[in-house]
N, C-alpha and C. Protein backbone atom coordinates (compact mmCIF):
# COMPACT_ATOMS: atom_id res chain seq x y z
N MET A 1 60.37 219.81 42.11
CA MET A 1 59.18 219.40 41.41
C MET A 1 59.57 219.01 39.98
N THR A 2 59.12 217.87 39.51
CA THR A 2 59.38 217.41 38.15
C THR A 2 58.09 217.49 37.37
N GLU A 3 58.20 217.84 36.09
CA GLU A 3 57.00 217.91 35.27
C GLU A 3 57.25 217.28 33.91
N ASP A 4 56.20 216.73 33.33
CA ASP A 4 56.24 216.20 31.97
C ASP A 4 55.31 217.06 31.15
N ASN A 5 55.70 217.38 29.92
CA ASN A 5 54.89 218.23 29.06
C ASN A 5 54.87 217.62 27.67
N PRO A 6 53.72 217.11 27.21
CA PRO A 6 53.67 216.46 25.91
C PRO A 6 53.54 217.42 24.73
N SER A 7 53.29 218.73 24.96
CA SER A 7 53.06 219.64 23.84
C SER A 7 54.38 220.15 23.25
N LEU A 8 54.32 220.47 21.96
CA LEU A 8 55.49 220.98 21.25
C LEU A 8 55.71 222.44 21.65
N GLU A 9 56.94 222.79 21.99
CA GLU A 9 57.28 224.15 22.40
C GLU A 9 58.36 224.69 21.47
N ARG A 10 58.58 226.01 21.57
CA ARG A 10 59.62 226.66 20.79
C ARG A 10 60.47 227.49 21.73
N LYS A 11 61.76 227.48 21.49
CA LYS A 11 62.68 228.27 22.29
C LYS A 11 63.63 228.95 21.32
N PHE A 12 63.66 230.26 21.40
CA PHE A 12 64.48 231.05 20.50
C PHE A 12 65.83 231.35 21.15
N CYS A 13 66.85 231.39 20.35
CA CYS A 13 68.19 231.70 20.84
C CYS A 13 68.76 232.80 19.97
N GLY A 14 69.17 233.91 20.53
CA GLY A 14 69.65 235.06 19.76
C GLY A 14 71.04 235.47 20.16
N GLY A 15 71.48 236.66 19.79
CA GLY A 15 72.79 237.26 20.00
C GLY A 15 73.79 236.43 20.78
N GLY A 16 74.91 236.12 20.20
CA GLY A 16 75.93 235.35 20.88
C GLY A 16 75.96 233.89 20.49
N SER A 17 75.01 233.46 19.68
CA SER A 17 74.98 232.05 19.30
C SER A 17 76.05 231.72 18.28
N GLY A 18 76.61 232.74 17.67
CA GLY A 18 77.67 232.51 16.71
C GLY A 18 77.18 231.90 15.41
N LEU A 19 75.94 232.13 15.01
CA LEU A 19 75.43 231.59 13.75
C LEU A 19 76.13 232.30 12.61
N THR A 20 76.74 231.53 11.74
CA THR A 20 77.47 232.10 10.61
C THR A 20 76.85 231.63 9.30
N LEU A 21 76.94 232.49 8.30
CA LEU A 21 76.51 232.16 6.96
C LEU A 21 77.75 232.24 6.09
N GLY A 22 78.15 231.09 5.52
CA GLY A 22 79.39 231.05 4.76
C GLY A 22 79.17 230.71 3.30
N GLN A 23 80.24 230.30 2.66
CA GLN A 23 80.21 229.95 1.24
C GLN A 23 79.14 228.89 0.97
N ASP A 24 78.55 228.96 -0.20
CA ASP A 24 77.55 227.99 -0.64
C ASP A 24 76.38 227.87 0.33
N ALA A 25 76.03 229.00 0.96
CA ALA A 25 74.88 229.09 1.86
C ALA A 25 74.98 228.13 3.05
N ARG A 26 76.18 227.86 3.51
CA ARG A 26 76.39 227.04 4.72
C ARG A 26 76.19 227.93 5.93
N ILE A 27 75.50 227.41 6.92
CA ILE A 27 75.28 228.17 8.15
C ILE A 27 75.66 227.32 9.35
N SER A 28 76.06 228.00 10.41
CA SER A 28 76.38 227.30 11.65
C SER A 28 76.20 228.25 12.82
N GLY A 29 75.98 227.67 13.98
CA GLY A 29 75.83 228.47 15.18
C GLY A 29 75.21 227.66 16.30
N TYR A 30 74.86 228.33 17.38
CA TYR A 30 74.24 227.67 18.54
C TYR A 30 72.75 227.95 18.56
N ALA A 31 71.97 226.87 18.55
CA ALA A 31 70.52 226.97 18.59
C ALA A 31 70.01 227.06 20.02
N SER A 32 70.82 226.63 20.98
CA SER A 32 70.47 226.69 22.39
C SER A 32 71.77 226.77 23.19
N LEU A 33 71.75 227.56 24.25
CA LEU A 33 72.93 227.70 25.10
C LEU A 33 72.59 227.21 26.49
N PHE A 34 73.42 226.33 27.02
CA PHE A 34 73.18 225.78 28.35
C PHE A 34 73.34 226.86 29.42
N GLY A 35 72.44 226.84 30.38
CA GLY A 35 72.53 227.75 31.51
C GLY A 35 72.04 229.15 31.25
N ALA A 36 71.63 229.47 30.02
CA ALA A 36 71.15 230.82 29.69
C ALA A 36 69.63 230.88 29.84
N ARG A 37 69.15 231.83 30.60
CA ARG A 37 67.71 232.01 30.79
C ARG A 37 67.13 232.72 29.58
N ASP A 38 66.07 232.16 29.00
CA ASP A 38 65.43 232.79 27.85
C ASP A 38 64.35 233.78 28.32
N SER A 39 63.69 234.43 27.38
CA SER A 39 62.67 235.42 27.70
C SER A 39 61.49 234.84 28.46
N GLY A 40 61.27 233.55 28.35
CA GLY A 40 60.19 232.88 29.08
C GLY A 40 60.61 232.40 30.46
N GLY A 41 61.89 232.60 30.80
CA GLY A 41 62.39 232.21 32.11
C GLY A 41 62.93 230.80 32.19
N ASP A 42 62.93 230.06 31.09
CA ASP A 42 63.43 228.69 31.08
C ASP A 42 64.95 228.65 30.90
N VAL A 43 65.55 227.60 31.44
CA VAL A 43 66.98 227.35 31.29
C VAL A 43 67.14 225.91 30.82
N VAL A 44 67.95 225.69 29.78
CA VAL A 44 68.24 224.35 29.29
C VAL A 44 69.52 223.87 29.98
N GLY A 45 69.45 222.67 30.56
CA GLY A 45 70.60 222.10 31.24
C GLY A 45 71.49 221.31 30.31
N PRO A 46 72.79 221.22 30.64
CA PRO A 46 73.72 220.40 29.83
C PRO A 46 73.22 218.97 29.72
N GLY A 47 73.32 218.41 28.51
CA GLY A 47 72.90 217.04 28.28
C GLY A 47 71.43 216.88 27.96
N ALA A 48 70.68 217.97 27.94
CA ALA A 48 69.23 217.90 27.72
C ALA A 48 68.86 217.31 26.36
N PHE A 49 69.70 217.45 25.38
CA PHE A 49 69.39 216.97 24.02
C PHE A 49 69.96 215.59 23.73
N ALA A 50 70.80 215.06 24.62
CA ALA A 50 71.56 213.84 24.34
C ALA A 50 70.69 212.65 23.94
N ALA A 51 69.65 212.36 24.70
CA ALA A 51 68.80 211.20 24.40
C ALA A 51 68.08 211.38 23.06
N SER A 52 67.60 212.58 22.80
CA SER A 52 66.90 212.85 21.54
C SER A 52 67.84 212.70 20.34
N LEU A 53 69.04 213.25 20.45
CA LEU A 53 69.99 213.13 19.35
C LEU A 53 70.42 211.69 19.13
N ALA A 54 70.57 210.93 20.20
CA ALA A 54 70.92 209.51 20.09
C ALA A 54 69.79 208.73 19.41
N ALA A 55 68.55 209.01 19.78
CA ALA A 55 67.40 208.33 19.17
C ALA A 55 67.29 208.66 17.69
N LEU A 56 67.50 209.92 17.34
CA LEU A 56 67.47 210.31 15.92
C LEU A 56 68.57 209.58 15.14
N ALA A 57 69.76 209.52 15.69
CA ALA A 57 70.88 208.85 15.03
C ALA A 57 70.59 207.36 14.84
N ALA A 58 69.98 206.73 15.84
CA ALA A 58 69.67 205.29 15.76
C ALA A 58 68.64 205.01 14.68
N ASP A 59 67.75 205.97 14.42
CA ASP A 59 66.69 205.80 13.41
C ASP A 59 67.04 206.45 12.08
N ASN A 60 68.28 206.93 11.93
CA ASN A 60 68.67 207.70 10.74
C ASN A 60 67.76 208.89 10.53
N GLY A 61 67.27 209.47 11.61
CA GLY A 61 66.39 210.63 11.55
C GLY A 61 67.19 211.92 11.47
N LYS A 62 66.48 213.00 11.16
CA LYS A 62 67.12 214.31 11.04
C LYS A 62 66.31 215.35 11.77
N VAL A 63 67.01 216.32 12.32
CA VAL A 63 66.38 217.52 12.84
C VAL A 63 66.10 218.40 11.63
N ARG A 64 64.90 218.91 11.50
CA ARG A 64 64.52 219.71 10.32
C ARG A 64 64.96 221.16 10.45
N MET A 65 65.31 221.78 9.30
CA MET A 65 65.60 223.20 9.24
C MET A 65 64.38 223.88 8.63
N LEU A 66 63.71 224.71 9.43
CA LEU A 66 62.48 225.37 8.99
C LEU A 66 62.65 226.89 9.00
N TRP A 67 61.75 227.54 8.29
CA TRP A 67 61.66 228.99 8.28
C TRP A 67 60.60 229.40 9.30
N GLN A 68 60.99 230.10 10.36
CA GLN A 68 60.07 230.65 11.37
C GLN A 68 59.13 229.59 11.96
N HIS A 69 59.61 228.39 12.13
CA HIS A 69 58.86 227.25 12.72
C HIS A 69 57.70 226.75 11.86
N ASP A 70 57.66 227.12 10.61
CA ASP A 70 56.55 226.70 9.74
C ASP A 70 56.89 225.35 9.11
N PRO A 71 56.16 224.27 9.48
CA PRO A 71 56.48 222.95 8.92
C PRO A 71 56.26 222.86 7.41
N GLY A 72 55.56 223.81 6.85
CA GLY A 72 55.37 223.85 5.40
C GLY A 72 56.47 224.60 4.68
N GLU A 73 57.48 225.08 5.43
CA GLU A 73 58.55 225.88 4.84
C GLU A 73 59.94 225.36 5.22
N PRO A 74 60.28 224.12 4.81
CA PRO A 74 61.66 223.69 5.02
C PRO A 74 62.57 224.52 4.11
N ILE A 75 63.71 224.97 4.65
CA ILE A 75 64.59 225.86 3.87
C ILE A 75 66.01 225.33 3.73
N GLY A 76 66.27 224.17 4.32
CA GLY A 76 67.61 223.64 4.24
C GLY A 76 67.74 222.33 4.97
N VAL A 77 68.99 221.94 5.21
CA VAL A 77 69.31 220.66 5.84
C VAL A 77 70.37 220.90 6.90
N TRP A 78 70.12 220.40 8.10
CA TRP A 78 71.16 220.43 9.14
C TRP A 78 72.03 219.19 8.96
N ASP A 79 73.29 219.38 8.62
CA ASP A 79 74.23 218.28 8.42
C ASP A 79 74.83 217.81 9.74
N GLU A 80 74.88 218.71 10.72
CA GLU A 80 75.43 218.37 12.02
C GLU A 80 74.61 219.05 13.11
N VAL A 81 74.18 218.28 14.08
CA VAL A 81 73.49 218.79 15.26
C VAL A 81 74.10 218.04 16.44
N ARG A 82 74.76 218.79 17.34
CA ARG A 82 75.45 218.12 18.45
C ARG A 82 75.49 219.04 19.67
N GLU A 83 75.61 218.37 20.81
CA GLU A 83 75.84 219.10 22.05
C GLU A 83 77.33 219.23 22.28
N ASP A 84 77.74 220.36 22.82
CA ASP A 84 79.10 220.51 23.34
C ASP A 84 78.98 221.21 24.68
N ALA A 85 80.07 221.65 25.24
CA ALA A 85 80.04 222.26 26.57
C ALA A 85 79.22 223.55 26.62
N ARG A 86 79.09 224.23 25.48
CA ARG A 86 78.37 225.51 25.42
C ARG A 86 76.87 225.35 25.21
N GLY A 87 76.47 224.38 24.39
CA GLY A 87 75.06 224.23 24.08
C GLY A 87 74.82 223.32 22.89
N LEU A 88 73.75 223.60 22.15
CA LEU A 88 73.37 222.81 20.97
C LEU A 88 73.91 223.50 19.72
N PHE A 89 74.95 222.92 19.14
CA PHE A 89 75.58 223.47 17.94
C PHE A 89 74.94 222.86 16.71
N VAL A 90 74.69 223.70 15.69
CA VAL A 90 74.12 223.22 14.43
C VAL A 90 74.95 223.74 13.26
N GLU A 91 75.04 222.92 12.23
CA GLU A 91 75.71 223.32 11.00
C GLU A 91 74.95 222.68 9.85
N GLY A 92 74.68 223.48 8.81
CA GLY A 92 73.93 222.94 7.69
C GLY A 92 74.00 223.84 6.47
N ARG A 93 73.06 223.57 5.53
CA ARG A 93 73.04 224.28 4.26
C ARG A 93 71.65 224.81 3.99
N LEU A 94 71.57 226.09 3.62
CA LEU A 94 70.32 226.62 3.10
C LEU A 94 70.19 226.11 1.67
N LEU A 95 69.00 225.69 1.30
CA LEU A 95 68.78 225.19 -0.07
C LEU A 95 68.34 226.37 -0.94
N THR A 96 69.28 226.90 -1.69
CA THR A 96 68.98 228.08 -2.50
C THR A 96 68.22 227.75 -3.78
N ASP A 97 67.96 226.47 -4.04
CA ASP A 97 67.09 226.09 -5.14
C ASP A 97 65.62 226.24 -4.74
N VAL A 98 65.39 226.43 -3.45
CA VAL A 98 64.05 226.65 -2.90
C VAL A 98 63.89 228.15 -2.69
N ALA A 99 62.77 228.73 -3.12
CA ALA A 99 62.58 230.18 -3.05
C ALA A 99 62.82 230.72 -1.64
N ARG A 100 62.23 230.11 -0.63
CA ARG A 100 62.38 230.61 0.74
C ARG A 100 63.82 230.45 1.22
N GLY A 101 64.54 229.42 0.75
CA GLY A 101 65.95 229.26 1.08
C GLY A 101 66.78 230.39 0.52
N ARG A 102 66.49 230.80 -0.73
CA ARG A 102 67.19 231.94 -1.33
C ARG A 102 66.90 233.20 -0.53
N GLU A 103 65.62 233.39 -0.16
CA GLU A 103 65.24 234.57 0.62
C GLU A 103 65.96 234.57 1.97
N ALA A 104 66.01 233.42 2.63
CA ALA A 104 66.67 233.33 3.93
C ALA A 104 68.15 233.67 3.80
N ALA A 105 68.82 233.16 2.77
CA ALA A 105 70.24 233.45 2.56
C ALA A 105 70.44 234.94 2.34
N SER A 106 69.59 235.56 1.57
CA SER A 106 69.69 236.99 1.30
C SER A 106 69.46 237.80 2.57
N LEU A 107 68.44 237.43 3.34
CA LEU A 107 68.13 238.15 4.59
C LEU A 107 69.25 237.99 5.61
N LEU A 108 69.84 236.80 5.69
CA LEU A 108 70.98 236.57 6.59
C LEU A 108 72.18 237.41 6.15
N ALA A 109 72.47 237.40 4.87
CA ALA A 109 73.61 238.15 4.35
C ALA A 109 73.46 239.64 4.61
N ALA A 110 72.23 240.14 4.55
CA ALA A 110 71.98 241.56 4.77
C ALA A 110 71.89 241.92 6.25
N GLY A 111 71.81 240.92 7.11
CA GLY A 111 71.67 241.19 8.54
C GLY A 111 70.24 241.43 8.99
N ALA A 112 69.27 241.16 8.12
CA ALA A 112 67.86 241.39 8.46
C ALA A 112 67.34 240.35 9.44
N ILE A 113 67.87 239.14 9.38
CA ILE A 113 67.56 238.11 10.37
C ILE A 113 68.85 237.46 10.81
N ASP A 114 68.86 236.94 12.02
CA ASP A 114 70.06 236.24 12.48
C ASP A 114 69.76 235.36 13.69
N GLY A 115 68.49 235.08 13.95
CA GLY A 115 68.14 234.28 15.11
C GLY A 115 67.93 232.81 14.79
N LEU A 116 68.13 231.99 15.82
CA LEU A 116 67.85 230.56 15.76
C LEU A 116 66.83 230.23 16.84
N SER A 117 66.02 229.22 16.60
CA SER A 117 65.01 228.80 17.56
C SER A 117 64.80 227.31 17.43
N ILE A 118 64.59 226.65 18.57
CA ILE A 118 64.35 225.21 18.54
C ILE A 118 62.86 224.92 18.72
N GLY A 119 62.40 223.90 18.03
CA GLY A 119 61.06 223.35 18.23
C GLY A 119 61.25 222.02 18.93
N TYR A 120 60.62 221.83 20.08
CA TYR A 120 60.93 220.67 20.91
C TYR A 120 59.74 220.30 21.79
N ARG A 121 59.86 219.15 22.40
CA ARG A 121 58.90 218.68 23.41
C ARG A 121 59.69 218.41 24.69
N VAL A 122 59.23 218.99 25.80
CA VAL A 122 59.90 218.76 27.08
C VAL A 122 59.56 217.35 27.56
N GLN A 123 60.58 216.57 27.83
CA GLN A 123 60.37 215.23 28.38
C GLN A 123 60.62 215.21 29.88
N LYS A 124 61.50 216.09 30.34
CA LYS A 124 61.74 216.15 31.78
C LYS A 124 62.21 217.56 32.14
N ALA A 125 61.60 218.12 33.19
CA ALA A 125 61.97 219.45 33.67
C ALA A 125 61.69 219.53 35.16
N THR A 126 62.39 220.40 35.81
CA THR A 126 62.12 220.69 37.22
C THR A 126 61.87 222.18 37.36
N ARG A 127 61.21 222.56 38.45
CA ARG A 127 60.99 223.98 38.74
C ARG A 127 61.64 224.31 40.07
N ASP A 128 62.26 225.47 40.11
CA ASP A 128 62.82 225.91 41.38
C ASP A 128 61.74 226.64 42.17
N ASP A 129 62.10 227.15 43.33
CA ASP A 129 61.13 227.82 44.19
C ASP A 129 60.53 229.07 43.54
N ALA A 130 61.27 229.68 42.62
CA ALA A 130 60.78 230.88 41.93
C ALA A 130 59.92 230.52 40.72
N GLY A 131 59.76 229.24 40.43
CA GLY A 131 58.94 228.81 39.29
C GLY A 131 59.69 228.69 37.98
N GLN A 132 60.98 228.95 37.99
CA GLN A 132 61.78 228.84 36.76
C GLN A 132 61.97 227.37 36.40
N ARG A 133 61.78 227.05 35.11
CA ARG A 133 61.98 225.67 34.65
C ARG A 133 63.43 225.44 34.27
N LEU A 134 63.95 224.29 34.70
CA LEU A 134 65.24 223.78 34.23
C LEU A 134 64.90 222.57 33.37
N LEU A 135 65.12 222.70 32.07
CA LEU A 135 64.81 221.64 31.11
C LEU A 135 65.98 220.67 31.08
N THR A 136 65.74 219.42 31.48
CA THR A 136 66.82 218.45 31.59
C THR A 136 66.75 217.35 30.54
N ARG A 137 65.61 217.17 29.90
CA ARG A 137 65.51 216.22 28.78
C ARG A 137 64.51 216.76 27.78
N ILE A 138 64.99 216.95 26.54
CA ILE A 138 64.22 217.58 25.48
C ILE A 138 64.20 216.69 24.25
N GLU A 139 63.02 216.50 23.67
CA GLU A 139 62.90 215.82 22.38
C GLU A 139 62.95 216.91 21.30
N LEU A 140 64.05 216.97 20.56
CA LEU A 140 64.28 218.02 19.56
C LEU A 140 63.61 217.63 18.25
N TRP A 141 62.80 218.53 17.71
CA TRP A 141 62.11 218.29 16.44
C TRP A 141 62.72 219.08 15.29
N GLU A 142 63.01 220.35 15.55
CA GLU A 142 63.48 221.20 14.46
C GLU A 142 64.26 222.38 15.02
N VAL A 143 65.07 222.99 14.14
CA VAL A 143 65.76 224.24 14.43
C VAL A 143 65.43 225.18 13.30
N SER A 144 64.86 226.34 13.65
CA SER A 144 64.41 227.32 12.66
C SER A 144 65.29 228.56 12.64
N LEU A 145 65.35 229.19 11.46
CA LEU A 145 65.87 230.55 11.37
C LEU A 145 64.69 231.46 11.68
N VAL A 146 64.91 232.43 12.56
CA VAL A 146 63.82 233.30 13.01
C VAL A 146 64.25 234.76 13.06
N THR A 147 63.26 235.62 13.08
CA THR A 147 63.50 237.05 13.18
C THR A 147 63.76 237.47 14.62
N PHE A 148 62.91 236.99 15.54
CA PHE A 148 63.00 237.40 16.94
C PHE A 148 63.24 236.20 17.84
N PRO A 149 64.49 235.95 18.21
CA PRO A 149 64.78 234.81 19.08
C PRO A 149 64.40 235.07 20.54
N MET A 150 63.91 234.04 21.20
CA MET A 150 63.56 234.14 22.61
C MET A 150 64.80 234.19 23.49
N LEU A 151 65.84 233.51 23.06
CA LEU A 151 67.13 233.56 23.76
C LEU A 151 68.02 234.51 22.96
N PRO A 152 68.21 235.73 23.45
CA PRO A 152 68.92 236.74 22.67
C PRO A 152 70.31 236.32 22.20
N SER A 153 70.92 235.32 22.80
CA SER A 153 72.26 234.93 22.42
C SER A 153 72.33 233.87 21.34
N ALA A 154 71.21 233.47 20.75
CA ALA A 154 71.23 232.48 19.66
C ALA A 154 71.12 233.20 18.33
N ARG A 155 72.24 233.45 17.71
CA ARG A 155 72.28 234.23 16.48
C ARG A 155 73.28 233.65 15.48
N VAL A 156 73.14 234.07 14.23
CA VAL A 156 74.09 233.74 13.18
C VAL A 156 75.35 234.56 13.43
N ALA A 157 76.51 233.95 13.30
CA ALA A 157 77.76 234.64 13.62
C ALA A 157 78.33 235.44 12.45
N GLY A 158 78.25 234.93 11.23
CA GLY A 158 78.84 235.63 10.09
C GLY A 158 77.95 235.49 8.88
N LYS A 159 78.23 236.30 7.89
CA LYS A 159 77.36 236.32 6.74
C LYS A 159 78.17 236.42 5.45
N ALA A 160 77.97 235.49 4.55
CA ALA A 160 78.53 235.53 3.20
C ALA A 160 77.99 234.34 2.44
N VAL A 161 77.37 234.58 1.32
CA VAL A 161 76.82 233.50 0.51
C VAL A 161 77.49 233.53 -0.84
N GLY A 162 78.34 232.55 -1.10
CA GLY A 162 79.02 232.48 -2.38
C GLY A 162 79.67 233.80 -2.75
N GLU A 163 79.26 234.37 -3.87
CA GLU A 163 79.83 235.61 -4.35
C GLU A 163 79.13 236.83 -3.78
N ALA A 164 78.06 236.67 -3.01
CA ALA A 164 77.27 237.80 -2.52
C ALA A 164 78.10 238.78 -1.71
N ALA A 165 78.96 238.30 -0.84
CA ALA A 165 79.77 239.20 -0.01
C ALA A 165 80.72 240.01 -0.88
N GLU A 166 81.33 239.37 -1.85
CA GLU A 166 82.25 240.08 -2.75
C GLU A 166 81.49 241.11 -3.58
N LEU A 167 80.29 240.77 -4.03
CA LEU A 167 79.50 241.72 -4.80
C LEU A 167 79.11 242.93 -3.95
N ARG A 168 78.77 242.69 -2.67
CA ARG A 168 78.45 243.82 -1.78
C ARG A 168 79.65 244.73 -1.60
N LYS A 169 80.85 244.14 -1.42
CA LYS A 169 82.06 244.95 -1.28
C LYS A 169 82.33 245.75 -2.56
N LEU A 170 82.16 245.12 -3.71
CA LEU A 170 82.35 245.79 -4.98
C LEU A 170 81.36 246.94 -5.11
N GLY A 171 80.10 246.69 -4.76
CA GLY A 171 79.07 247.73 -4.83
C GLY A 171 79.40 248.90 -3.92
N ALA A 172 79.87 248.62 -2.70
CA ALA A 172 80.25 249.69 -1.78
C ALA A 172 81.40 250.50 -2.35
N GLY A 173 82.37 249.83 -2.97
CA GLY A 173 83.50 250.52 -3.58
C GLY A 173 83.07 251.39 -4.74
N LEU A 174 82.15 250.89 -5.56
CA LEU A 174 81.65 251.68 -6.69
C LEU A 174 80.86 252.89 -6.20
N ARG A 175 80.05 252.72 -5.14
CA ARG A 175 79.30 253.86 -4.60
C ARG A 175 80.27 254.92 -4.05
N ARG A 176 81.29 254.46 -3.35
CA ARG A 176 82.29 255.37 -2.79
C ARG A 176 83.00 256.12 -3.92
N ALA A 177 83.40 255.41 -4.98
CA ALA A 177 84.08 256.03 -6.11
C ALA A 177 83.16 257.05 -6.79
N GLY A 178 81.88 256.69 -6.93
CA GLY A 178 80.93 257.61 -7.53
C GLY A 178 80.78 258.89 -6.73
N ARG A 179 80.73 258.76 -5.40
CA ARG A 179 80.61 259.94 -4.54
C ARG A 179 81.87 260.79 -4.64
N LEU A 180 83.04 260.14 -4.67
CA LEU A 180 84.29 260.89 -4.78
C LEU A 180 84.37 261.65 -6.11
N LEU A 181 83.95 261.00 -7.19
CA LEU A 181 83.96 261.65 -8.50
C LEU A 181 82.99 262.82 -8.56
N SER A 182 81.88 262.71 -7.84
CA SER A 182 80.88 263.78 -7.87
C SER A 182 81.18 264.85 -6.82
N GLY A 183 82.21 264.64 -6.00
CA GLY A 183 82.58 265.61 -4.99
C GLY A 183 81.80 265.50 -3.70
N THR A 184 81.00 264.43 -3.53
CA THR A 184 80.23 264.24 -2.31
C THR A 184 81.12 263.60 -1.28
N LYS A 185 81.08 264.15 -0.04
CA LYS A 185 81.87 263.56 1.04
C LYS A 185 81.22 262.27 1.51
N THR A 186 82.05 261.33 1.95
CA THR A 186 81.55 260.06 2.47
C THR A 186 81.93 259.91 3.93
N SER A 187 81.12 259.20 4.63
CA SER A 187 81.44 258.86 6.02
C SER A 187 81.83 257.40 6.07
N LYS A 188 82.44 257.00 7.17
CA LYS A 188 82.79 255.58 7.34
C LYS A 188 81.56 254.72 7.20
N ARG A 189 80.44 255.14 7.81
CA ARG A 189 79.20 254.35 7.78
C ARG A 189 78.68 254.19 6.37
N SER A 190 78.65 255.28 5.57
CA SER A 190 78.11 255.16 4.22
C SER A 190 79.03 254.37 3.31
N GLU A 191 80.33 254.33 3.61
CA GLU A 191 81.24 253.56 2.80
C GLU A 191 81.05 252.06 2.98
N SER A 192 80.56 251.64 4.12
CA SER A 192 80.42 250.21 4.37
C SER A 192 79.11 249.65 3.88
N THR A 193 78.21 250.49 3.41
CA THR A 193 76.91 250.00 2.95
C THR A 193 76.87 249.83 1.46
């Protein structure tokens, strides 16, 4: 059975997406993984984004980077959006001159958020006998940073924003030194915070 769906949908991708936060608030990871069933039971097939990405490239269009799918909260720019054998890979920059971009960078660095989610329109899908959708052609609109991804394997892989990682390490070292000077015992866990 084939179906067409004109409404905008969202698909979250969490844990395992390899989303990383690097120097100068650069982030990268997988916004969608091929063959992985999400919490809604959908599976994205290889090549599902190809036509949409080609159309965007032909029009000099861009996939938007949003905060929690809110079109009023752009937080950065995706410099690269491409399919590979694993899924939909994204790489871009959080705009730390924007308040929400600074907040997103801080939350990512702290590990408070690490999910990715796509906003899209299904152009072609089939259903198997169990009712599971296989999405074979998707019109991609945006990729958001989110708190709770629908696909648990779509996540940020690493975290460090400019000097923030070094400052956290310095702070942990100073806390450890303070505890040692005061005679308080430390555990491995408390030393890393």
